[in-house]
């Protein structure tokens, strides 16, 4: 069951978002439970739930009157759990463009909430599929199959290719270009001649580097930055928004 939490600075709006979320989920054929999390309760949960979302929610919808305060809440949540799936409700065009600089799972427009929530839930449903998909890499004369979601990045170092996963670093008997071709259209970006990164694990994109959700920073070459930025923005929006 999809569990959706709503964090909102205005009680009336929170109720409206909850009602719209239920309707959007039904239209997408999802069974869901929607709950409004009171700010006071959320404060307590945040203090005592390091590494998890409040109430075990699948995702959180964040709507705040002040954009900077909303982003502050988001940063606090990601500090607790870098993989937290946050949906941000934008109330203006400026909010939309500002949100593109943040690693929100999806941004929805307050003035077209129902349609955008349907798109977000559709995206959430698709997100479950890649986690069970594997890609084969040659290692030690054998082919090993790795869950793509578990791959952080691949690194070329002195003609050796290292595959960095969530749990270990493996040597791969293939070139970085071969790996890039193998992972084409699977959410990976070549940010440097030495790095092929899984965009799922990008915490923040900056002009000179990317911050991954495990705390590592990887350098982006200047000439590749425009294309990486374009790829990442399309990735986090799944080409669904606007």
Protein backbone atom coordinates (compact mmCIF):
# COMPACT_ATOMS: atom_id res chain seq x y z
CA UNK A 1 0.00 0.00 0.00
CA UNK A 2 1.18 3.49 -0.87
CA UNK A 3 1.46 5.65 2.24
CA UNK A 4 1.48 9.38 1.60
CA UNK A 5 2.30 11.94 4.26
CA UNK A 6 1.45 15.63 3.91
CA UNK A 7 3.44 18.38 5.62
CA UNK A 8 1.73 21.74 5.20
CA UNK A 9 1.88 25.15 6.88
CA UNK A 10 -1.84 25.78 6.36
CA UNK A 11 -4.43 23.41 7.77
CA UNK A 12 -7.10 24.11 5.16
CA UNK A 13 -4.69 23.55 2.28
CA UNK A 14 -3.47 20.31 3.88
CA UNK A 15 -7.01 18.94 3.80
CA UNK A 16 -7.44 19.95 0.16
CA UNK A 17 -4.15 18.31 -0.80
CA UNK A 18 -5.13 15.12 1.03
CA UNK A 19 -8.46 14.92 -0.79
CA UNK A 20 -6.81 15.56 -4.17
CA UNK A 21 -4.09 13.00 -3.46
CA UNK A 22 -6.66 10.30 -2.71
CA UNK A 23 -8.49 11.06 -5.94
CA UNK A 24 -5.28 11.11 -7.99
CA UNK A 25 -4.18 7.77 -6.50
CA UNK A 26 -7.52 6.15 -7.32
CA UNK A 27 -7.29 7.36 -10.91
CA UNK A 28 -3.86 5.76 -11.17
CA UNK A 29 -5.23 2.51 -9.74
CA UNK A 30 -3.21 2.79 -6.54
CA UNK A 31 -4.33 1.71 -3.10
CA UNK A 32 -3.14 4.39 -0.75
CA UNK A 33 -3.36 5.79 2.75
CA UNK A 34 -3.07 9.56 3.08
CA UNK A 35 -2.34 11.30 6.35
CA UNK A 36 -1.70 14.91 7.30
CA UNK A 37 1.28 15.14 9.65
CA UNK A 38 0.99 17.98 12.12
CA UNK A 39 4.07 20.17 12.32
CA UNK A 40 4.50 19.53 16.06
CA UNK A 41 4.25 15.77 15.56
CA UNK A 42 6.60 15.97 12.61
CA UNK A 43 9.18 17.77 14.75
CA UNK A 44 9.13 14.91 17.26
CA UNK A 45 9.23 12.23 14.57
CA UNK A 46 12.15 13.91 12.84
CA UNK A 47 14.14 13.95 16.05
CA UNK A 48 13.54 10.28 16.74
CA UNK A 49 13.45 8.71 13.25
CA UNK A 50 16.91 9.04 11.82
CA UNK A 51 17.11 7.36 8.42
CA UNK A 52 13.37 6.86 7.90
CA UNK A 53 10.46 8.95 6.76
CA UNK A 54 7.83 9.80 9.39
CA UNK A 55 5.20 7.10 9.85
CA UNK A 56 6.92 4.84 7.32
CA UNK A 57 5.47 6.83 4.44
CA UNK A 58 6.24 5.99 0.81
CA UNK A 59 6.57 9.69 0.01
CA UNK A 60 5.92 13.09 1.57
CA UNK A 61 4.09 16.00 -0.01
CA UNK A 62 5.60 19.26 1.20
CA UNK A 63 3.64 22.51 0.91
CA UNK A 64 4.72 25.67 2.71
CA UNK A 65 3.73 29.30 2.42
CA UNK A 66 7.38 30.39 2.39
CA UNK A 67 9.52 28.68 -0.23
CA UNK A 68 12.73 28.98 1.75
CA UNK A 69 11.10 27.41 4.81
CA UNK A 70 9.87 24.54 2.62
CA UNK A 71 13.37 24.02 1.28
CA UNK A 72 14.68 24.11 4.83
CA UNK A 73 12.31 21.28 5.82
CA UNK A 74 13.39 19.36 2.73
CA UNK A 75 17.08 19.74 3.58
CA UNK A 76 16.39 18.55 7.11
CA UNK A 77 14.59 15.47 5.80
CA UNK A 78 17.33 14.63 3.34
CA UNK A 79 19.84 15.07 6.13
CA UNK A 80 18.02 12.30 7.97
CA UNK A 81 17.37 10.17 4.90
CA UNK A 82 19.08 11.18 1.64
CA UNK A 83 16.71 8.92 -0.32
CA UNK A 84 13.51 10.42 1.03
CA UNK A 85 10.97 10.90 -1.76
CA UNK A 86 9.64 14.44 -1.45
CA UNK A 87 6.94 16.01 -3.61
CA UNK A 88 7.08 19.79 -3.50
CA UNK A 89 3.95 21.89 -4.09
CA UNK A 90 4.91 25.01 -6.07
CA UNK A 91 2.60 28.02 -5.71
CA UNK A 92 4.26 30.22 -8.34
CA UNK A 93 6.45 30.06 -11.41
CA UNK A 94 9.41 31.23 -9.32
CA UNK A 95 8.81 28.29 -6.98
CA UNK A 96 8.95 25.90 -9.93
CA UNK A 97 12.31 27.14 -11.20
CA UNK A 98 13.78 27.31 -7.71
CA UNK A 99 12.71 23.71 -7.07
CA UNK A 100 14.66 22.50 -10.11
CA UNK A 101 17.85 23.16 -8.17
CA UNK A 102 16.70 20.78 -5.44
CA UNK A 103 16.61 16.96 -5.69
CA UNK A 104 12.84 16.70 -5.23
CA UNK A 105 11.32 13.45 -6.45
CA UNK A 106 8.70 15.54 -8.23
CA UNK A 107 7.34 19.09 -8.25
CA UNK A 108 3.60 19.65 -8.55
CA UNK A 109 1.77 22.89 -9.23
CA UNK A 110 -0.77 24.08 -6.67
CA UNK A 111 -2.90 25.51 -9.48
CA UNK A 112 -3.00 22.17 -11.34
CA UNK A 113 -2.59 19.86 -8.39
CA UNK A 114 -4.78 16.94 -9.42
CA UNK A 115 -3.16 16.46 -12.82
CA UNK A 116 0.37 16.83 -11.49
CA UNK A 117 -0.21 14.45 -8.58
CA UNK A 118 -1.49 11.82 -11.01
CA UNK A 119 1.77 12.21 -12.95
CA UNK A 120 3.81 12.00 -9.74
CA UNK A 121 2.04 8.82 -8.61
CA UNK A 122 2.50 7.30 -12.06
CA UNK A 123 6.20 8.08 -11.74
CA UNK A 124 6.26 6.56 -8.25
CA UNK A 125 4.74 3.37 -9.61
CA UNK A 126 7.37 3.14 -12.35
CA UNK A 127 10.16 3.75 -9.86
CA UNK A 128 9.63 0.31 -8.34
CA UNK A 129 10.45 -1.49 -11.57
CA UNK A 130 14.16 -0.64 -12.04
CA UNK A 131 15.05 -1.74 -8.50
CA UNK A 132 14.54 -5.39 -9.51
CA UNK A 133 16.42 -5.09 -12.83
CA UNK A 134 20.02 -6.21 -13.14
CA UNK A 135 22.87 -5.58 -15.57
CA UNK A 136 25.64 -8.09 -16.25
CA UNK A 137 29.31 -7.14 -15.92
CA UNK A 138 32.38 -9.27 -16.57
CA UNK A 139 34.43 -9.83 -13.44
CA UNK A 140 37.10 -12.46 -12.77
CA UNK A 141 36.28 -14.30 -15.97
CA UNK A 142 32.63 -14.59 -15.01
CA UNK A 143 29.53 -12.49 -15.56
CA UNK A 144 28.06 -11.00 -12.42
CA UNK A 145 24.60 -9.46 -12.39
CA UNK A 146 24.18 -6.31 -10.30
CA UNK A 147 20.97 -4.53 -9.38
CA UNK A 148 21.21 -1.20 -11.19
CA UNK A 149 19.73 0.59 -8.20
CA UNK A 150 22.68 -0.62 -6.10
CA UNK A 151 25.28 0.95 -8.41
CA UNK A 152 26.60 4.32 -7.23
CA UNK A 153 29.06 4.96 -10.05
CA UNK A 154 31.74 3.43 -12.25
CA UNK A 155 35.26 4.82 -12.18
CA UNK A 156 38.15 4.53 -14.63
CA UNK A 157 41.55 4.58 -12.93
CA UNK A 158 44.79 3.74 -14.74
CA UNK A 159 42.91 1.58 -17.27
CA UNK A 160 41.13 -0.30 -14.49
CA UNK A 161 37.36 0.02 -14.10
CA UNK A 162 35.95 0.03 -10.57
CA UNK A 163 32.24 -0.48 -10.00
CA UNK A 164 31.18 1.24 -6.78
CA UNK A 165 28.05 -0.28 -5.26
CA UNK A 166 26.23 0.37 -2.00
CA UNK A 167 28.17 -2.40 -0.30
CA UNK A 168 31.48 -2.94 -2.11
CA UNK A 169 33.85 -1.94 -4.91
CA UNK A 170 34.31 -4.45 -7.72
CA UNK A 171 36.76 -4.58 -10.63
CA UNK A 172 35.17 -4.84 -14.07
CA UNK A 173 36.90 -6.28 -17.14
CA UNK A 174 35.22 -3.82 -19.52
CA UNK A 175 35.98 -0.27 -20.61
CA UNK A 176 34.01 2.65 -19.21
CA UNK A 177 32.65 3.32 -22.70
CA UNK A 178 31.38 -0.26 -22.93
CA UNK A 179 29.70 0.11 -19.53
CA UNK A 180 28.20 3.42 -20.62
CA UNK A 181 26.72 1.80 -23.72
CA UNK A 182 25.38 -1.07 -21.63
CA UNK A 183 23.68 1.36 -19.24
CA UNK A 184 22.40 3.71 -21.93
CA UNK A 185 18.92 5.12 -21.16
CA UNK A 186 19.04 3.51 -17.70
CA UNK A 187 19.54 6.69 -15.66
CA UNK A 188 23.35 6.94 -15.83
CA UNK A 189 25.31 10.06 -16.83
CA UNK A 190 28.93 10.39 -17.96
CA UNK A 191 30.00 13.38 -15.87
CA UNK A 192 33.73 13.05 -16.60
CA UNK A 193 35.93 10.85 -18.73
CA UNK A 194 36.62 8.88 -15.53
CA UNK A 195 33.12 8.75 -14.01
CA UNK A 196 29.80 7.24 -15.02
CA UNK A 197 27.24 8.05 -12.33
CA UNK A 198 23.85 6.58 -11.42
CA UNK A 199 21.63 9.68 -11.27
CA UNK A 200 19.37 7.93 -8.77
CA UNK A 201 22.08 8.49 -6.18
CA UNK A 202 22.81 12.13 -6.99
CA UNK A 203 21.93 14.17 -3.92
CA UNK A 204 22.79 17.56 -5.40
CA UNK A 205 24.15 18.78 -8.73
CA UNK A 206 26.64 21.63 -8.64
CA UNK A 207 28.66 23.26 -11.41
CA UNK A 208 31.92 21.55 -10.55
CA UNK A 209 30.79 18.36 -8.84
CA UNK A 210 27.94 16.07 -7.81
CA UNK A 211 27.16 15.13 -4.24
CA UNK A 212 26.02 11.52 -3.90
CA UNK A 213 23.67 10.26 -1.21
CA UNK A 214 26.56 8.39 0.47
CA UNK A 215 28.40 11.70 0.98
CA UNK A 216 30.95 11.32 -1.84
CA UNK A 217 31.64 14.18 -4.25
CA UNK A 218 32.66 13.52 -7.85
CA UNK A 219 34.10 16.06 -10.25
CA UNK A 220 32.13 17.17 -13.34
CA UNK A 221 34.22 18.30 -16.29
CA UNK A 222 33.37 21.80 -17.45
CA UNK A 223 32.50 20.80 -21.00
CA UNK A 224 30.16 18.03 -19.83
CA UNK A 225 28.26 20.11 -17.26
CA UNK A 226 25.52 21.52 -19.60
CA UNK A 227 24.63 18.05 -20.88
CA UNK A 228 24.75 16.50 -17.39
CA UNK A 229 22.51 19.26 -16.05
CA UNK A 230 20.04 18.66 -18.88
CA UNK A 231 20.08 14.90 -18.29
CA UNK A 232 19.64 15.25 -14.53
CA UNK A 233 16.75 17.71 -14.77
CA UNK A 234 14.99 15.42 -17.23
CA UNK A 235 15.70 12.45 -14.99
CA UNK A 236 14.26 13.94 -11.81
CA UNK A 237 11.19 15.09 -13.70
CA UNK A 238 10.99 11.90 -15.83
CA UNK A 239 10.01 14.21 -18.69
CA UNK A 240 6.54 14.32 -17.12
CA UNK A 241 6.34 17.80 -15.67
CA UNK A 242 4.94 20.65 -17.81
